[in-house]
Amino acid sequence: MANKKKVVVTGFEPFGSHAVNSSWVAVQELERLGLGEEVDLHVCELPVDYLAVQNILPSLWKEHQPQLAVHVGVSGIATSVTLEQYGHNQGYQRLDNRSFCPASRCCMEDGPDEIRSVIDMDMVCKRVSGSNIGITVSVSKDAGRYLCDYTYYTSLHQGQGRSAFVHVPPLGAPYSSGELGRGLQAVIKEMLSLLEAGYTEEELKDNKHCRHREQH
């Protein structure tokens, strides 16, 4: 099919106490499940490395020109599949896997403080929560000022807002790899559905039915 939608989904390599990173496990499970015949899915494991992300993200957008890029990361405090609405430019002080962090403490000098996804995460949350897939979904406005947030901001800038970030809990706390894969599949399908219908954050302000959780 020449008119397939292109979707890029990334997870992260292990870091810190996360010897197995549930984000990449979930993305591999999603790759196995797929997003349907009409979607061309490309997955990629990102290093926990500021400079590498700075180089890889523009390449992914340029090479694949996706309708949507979805980045997945693990959160040690998450107990649900958490949809992030914003990427943030400043406050990056934590060292990456190469013991580096940006001297400027920001993603893009002169960039806006935050960039919001064009996808209304509350609406995605509401739709998935109403589908009884057995996985709790929540919404957050703080992606944590580490590689997750840094990746999200960089991707939102590259894709003019056509990007999403999903935090997943560690494996078994409470979900299995299969459940995380199904959860990812459900939220990404809803994101694509909203994009196709032309819904954006601005147009859906009255749909605020999901609980919010701040990531730290």
Protein backbone atom coordinates (compact mmCIF):
# COMPACT_ATOMS: atom_id res chain seq x y z
CA MET A 1 0.00 0.00 0.00
CA ALA A 2 1.56 3.24 -1.14
CA ASN A 3 -0.51 5.32 1.28
CA LYS A 4 0.45 3.52 4.47
CA LYS A 5 0.80 5.70 7.54
CA LYS A 6 4.34 5.77 8.89
CA VAL A 7 4.86 5.57 12.64
CA VAL A 8 8.21 5.59 14.44
CA VAL A 9 8.27 4.18 17.99
CA THR A 10 11.35 4.26 20.22
CA GLY A 11 12.33 2.77 23.59
CA PHE A 12 15.48 3.19 25.66
CA GLU A 13 18.47 1.06 26.54
CA PRO A 14 19.04 0.02 30.20
CA PHE A 15 20.25 2.68 32.67
CA GLY A 16 20.74 3.09 36.40
CA SER A 17 18.68 0.58 38.37
CA HIS A 18 16.78 -0.46 35.22
CA ALA A 19 18.95 -3.40 34.12
CA VAL A 20 16.06 -4.35 31.82
CA ASN A 21 14.35 -1.30 30.42
CA SER A 22 10.64 -2.03 30.19
CA SER A 23 10.22 0.71 27.57
CA TRP A 24 12.24 -1.20 24.95
CA VAL A 25 10.66 -4.51 25.99
CA ALA A 26 7.22 -2.92 25.47
CA VAL A 27 8.24 -1.48 22.08
CA GLN A 28 9.51 -4.89 20.93
CA GLU A 29 6.21 -6.40 22.01
CA LEU A 30 4.38 -3.68 20.05
CA GLU A 31 6.49 -4.50 16.99
CA ARG A 32 5.35 -8.12 17.30
CA LEU A 33 1.70 -7.07 17.62
CA GLY A 34 1.85 -4.38 14.93
CA LEU A 35 -0.51 -1.46 14.39
CA GLY A 36 -2.56 -2.96 11.56
CA GLU A 37 -2.05 -3.43 7.84
CA GLU A 38 -2.41 0.27 7.09
CA VAL A 39 0.51 1.30 9.31
CA ASP A 40 4.21 1.01 8.48
CA LEU A 41 5.82 0.71 11.92
CA HIS A 42 9.52 1.39 12.49
CA VAL A 43 11.03 0.80 15.94
CA CYS A 44 14.36 1.96 17.35
CA GLU A 45 16.21 1.57 20.66
CA LEU A 46 17.65 4.90 21.81
CA PRO A 47 20.77 5.19 23.95
CA VAL A 48 20.45 7.03 27.27
CA ASP A 49 22.80 9.65 25.89
CA TYR A 50 21.98 13.34 25.30
CA LEU A 51 24.36 13.84 22.37
CA ALA A 52 23.28 10.63 20.62
CA VAL A 53 19.59 11.58 20.95
CA GLN A 54 20.38 15.01 19.55
CA ASN A 55 21.77 13.31 16.42
CA ILE A 56 19.39 10.34 16.09
CA LEU A 57 16.05 12.16 16.38
CA PRO A 58 16.50 14.51 13.38
CA SER A 59 17.72 11.51 11.35
CA LEU A 60 14.65 9.45 12.23
CA TRP A 61 12.31 12.27 11.25
CA LYS A 62 14.18 12.95 8.01
CA GLU A 63 14.53 9.31 6.96
CA HIS A 64 11.02 8.09 7.78
CA GLN A 65 8.95 11.30 7.67
CA PRO A 66 6.38 9.71 9.97
CA GLN A 67 2.83 10.88 10.55
CA LEU A 68 3.58 10.29 14.23
CA ALA A 69 6.63 9.55 16.40
CA VAL A 70 5.99 7.92 19.78
CA HIS A 71 8.75 7.69 22.35
CA VAL A 72 8.47 5.30 25.27
CA GLY A 73 10.41 5.48 28.53
CA VAL A 74 10.35 3.75 31.90
CA SER A 75 9.31 5.58 35.07
CA GLY A 76 10.14 4.01 38.41
CA ILE A 77 7.20 5.82 40.03
CA ALA A 78 4.60 5.04 37.37
CA THR A 79 1.96 2.40 38.07
CA SER A 80 -0.01 3.12 34.90
CA VAL A 81 0.69 3.77 31.23
CA THR A 82 1.27 7.52 31.43
CA LEU A 83 0.77 9.89 28.50
CA GLU A 84 2.93 13.01 28.52
CA GLN A 85 1.43 16.21 27.08
CA TYR A 86 4.51 18.47 27.13
CA GLY A 87 8.23 18.38 26.40
CA HIS A 88 10.44 20.82 28.34
CA ASN A 89 13.52 22.70 27.21
CA GLN A 90 15.35 23.45 30.46
CA GLY A 91 16.48 21.79 33.68
CA TYR A 92 18.64 18.91 32.44
CA GLN A 93 21.20 18.29 35.19
CA ARG A 94 21.22 14.50 35.56
CA LEU A 95 24.15 12.69 33.95
CA ASP A 96 23.44 10.21 31.15
CA ASN A 97 24.96 6.74 30.64
CA ARG A 98 28.14 8.41 29.36
CA SER A 99 28.38 10.65 32.48
CA PHE A 100 27.47 13.71 30.38
CA CYS A 101 24.83 16.39 30.61
CA PRO A 102 24.44 19.54 28.49
CA ALA A 103 26.43 22.50 29.83
CA SER A 104 23.47 24.75 28.97
CA ARG A 105 21.10 22.41 30.88
CA CYS A 106 18.70 22.74 27.97
CA CYS A 107 17.70 20.99 24.72
CA MET A 108 17.77 24.00 22.41
CA GLU A 109 19.23 27.35 23.23
CA ASP A 110 16.65 30.01 22.33
CA GLY A 111 13.95 27.31 22.05
CA PRO A 112 10.54 27.76 23.74
CA ASP A 113 10.36 26.63 27.39
CA GLU A 114 7.93 23.88 26.49
CA ILE A 115 6.33 22.35 23.42
CA ARG A 116 2.92 20.72 23.58
CA SER A 117 1.96 17.73 21.50
CA VAL A 118 -0.82 18.40 18.99
CA ILE A 119 -2.44 15.20 20.29
CA ASP A 120 -4.90 15.69 23.12
CA MET A 121 -3.63 13.18 25.68
CA ASP A 122 -6.75 13.52 27.83
CA MET A 123 -8.88 12.37 24.92
CA VAL A 124 -6.54 9.44 24.19
CA CYS A 125 -6.66 8.53 27.88
CA LYS A 126 -10.45 8.75 27.99
CA ARG A 127 -10.89 6.59 24.90
CA VAL A 128 -8.44 3.88 25.96
CA SER A 129 -9.77 3.84 29.52
CA GLY A 130 -13.26 3.31 28.13
CA SER A 131 -12.18 0.33 26.02
CA ASN A 132 -11.72 -2.10 28.94
CA ILE A 133 -8.32 -3.43 27.88
CA GLY A 134 -7.40 -3.98 31.51
CA ILE A 135 -4.62 -1.40 31.65
CA THR A 136 -4.80 1.85 33.58
CA VAL A 137 -3.90 4.97 31.59
CA SER A 138 -3.17 8.42 33.05
CA VAL A 139 -1.94 11.81 31.84
CA SER A 140 1.07 13.82 33.03
CA LYS A 141 2.42 17.29 32.27
CA ASP A 142 5.94 16.67 33.58
CA ALA A 143 8.09 14.11 31.75
CA GLY A 144 10.90 14.33 34.30
CA ARG A 145 13.82 16.42 32.94
CA TYR A 146 15.97 13.47 31.93
CA LEU A 147 16.44 11.65 28.63
CA CYS A 148 12.69 11.01 28.32
CA ASP A 149 11.77 14.69 28.46
CA TYR A 150 14.85 15.66 26.41
CA THR A 151 13.89 13.18 23.67
CA TYR A 152 10.27 14.33 23.70
CA TYR A 153 11.12 18.02 23.36
CA THR A 154 13.61 17.32 20.57
CA SER A 155 11.08 15.19 18.69
CA LEU A 156 8.21 17.66 19.18
CA HIS A 157 10.43 20.36 17.68
CA GLN A 158 11.44 18.15 14.74
CA GLY A 159 7.88 17.04 14.01
CA GLN A 160 5.99 20.29 14.63
CA GLY A 161 4.17 18.70 17.58
CA ARG A 162 3.31 15.38 15.89
CA SER A 163 5.01 13.42 18.60
CA ALA A 164 3.97 11.65 21.79
CA PHE A 165 5.69 10.32 24.88
CA VAL A 166 4.48 7.38 26.94
CA HIS A 167 5.92 6.44 30.33
CA VAL A 168 5.52 2.80 31.30
CA PRO A 169 6.09 1.18 34.73
CA PRO A 170 8.93 -1.30 35.30
CA LEU A 171 8.12 -4.87 34.22
CA GLY A 172 5.82 -6.65 36.64
CA ALA A 173 4.91 -3.46 38.49
CA PRO A 174 2.15 -4.31 37.71
CA TYR A 175 2.14 -5.18 34.00
CA SER A 176 3.79 -7.93 31.97
CA SER A 177 5.59 -7.26 28.68
CA GLY A 178 2.53 -8.49 26.79
CA GLU A 179 0.22 -6.15 28.68
CA LEU A 180 2.54 -3.19 28.12
CA GLY A 181 2.68 -4.01 24.41
CA ARG A 182 -1.12 -4.14 24.21
CA GLY A 183 -1.36 -0.88 26.13
CA LEU A 184 1.04 0.82 23.73
CA GLN A 185 -0.85 -0.56 20.76
CA ALA A 186 -4.15 0.80 22.12
CA VAL A 187 -2.87 4.30 22.89
CA ILE A 188 -1.01 4.68 19.57
CA LYS A 189 -4.06 3.55 17.58
CA GLU A 190 -6.13 6.20 19.37
CA MET A 191 -3.47 8.83 18.72
CA LEU A 192 -3.53 8.00 15.00
CA SER A 193 -7.30 8.10 15.02
CA LEU A 194 -7.32 11.59 16.56
CA LEU A 195 -4.66 12.83 14.14
CA GLU A 196 -6.64 11.50 11.21
CA ALA A 197 -9.81 13.19 12.46
CA GLY A 198 -7.91 16.46 12.86
CA TYR A 199 -8.50 16.73 16.59
CA THR A 200 -5.94 18.75 18.51
CA GLU A 201 -5.40 19.76 22.10
CA GLU A 202 -7.00 23.17 21.52
CA GLU A 203 -10.21 21.73 20.09
CA LEU A 204 -10.84 19.27 22.88
CA LYS A 205 -10.40 21.33 26.02
CA ASP A 206 -13.73 20.19 27.47
CA ASN A 207 -12.64 16.52 27.57
CA LYS A 208 -10.68 16.41 30.83
CA HIS A 209 -11.74 13.12 32.36
CA CYS A 210 -8.46 11.38 33.13
CA ARG A 211 -6.49 11.60 36.30
CA HIS A 212 -3.18 13.43 36.09
CA ARG A 213 0.10 12.34 37.56
CA GLU A 214 3.28 14.38 37.73
CA GLN A 215 6.51 12.52 36.88
CA HIS A 216 9.60 13.28 38.94
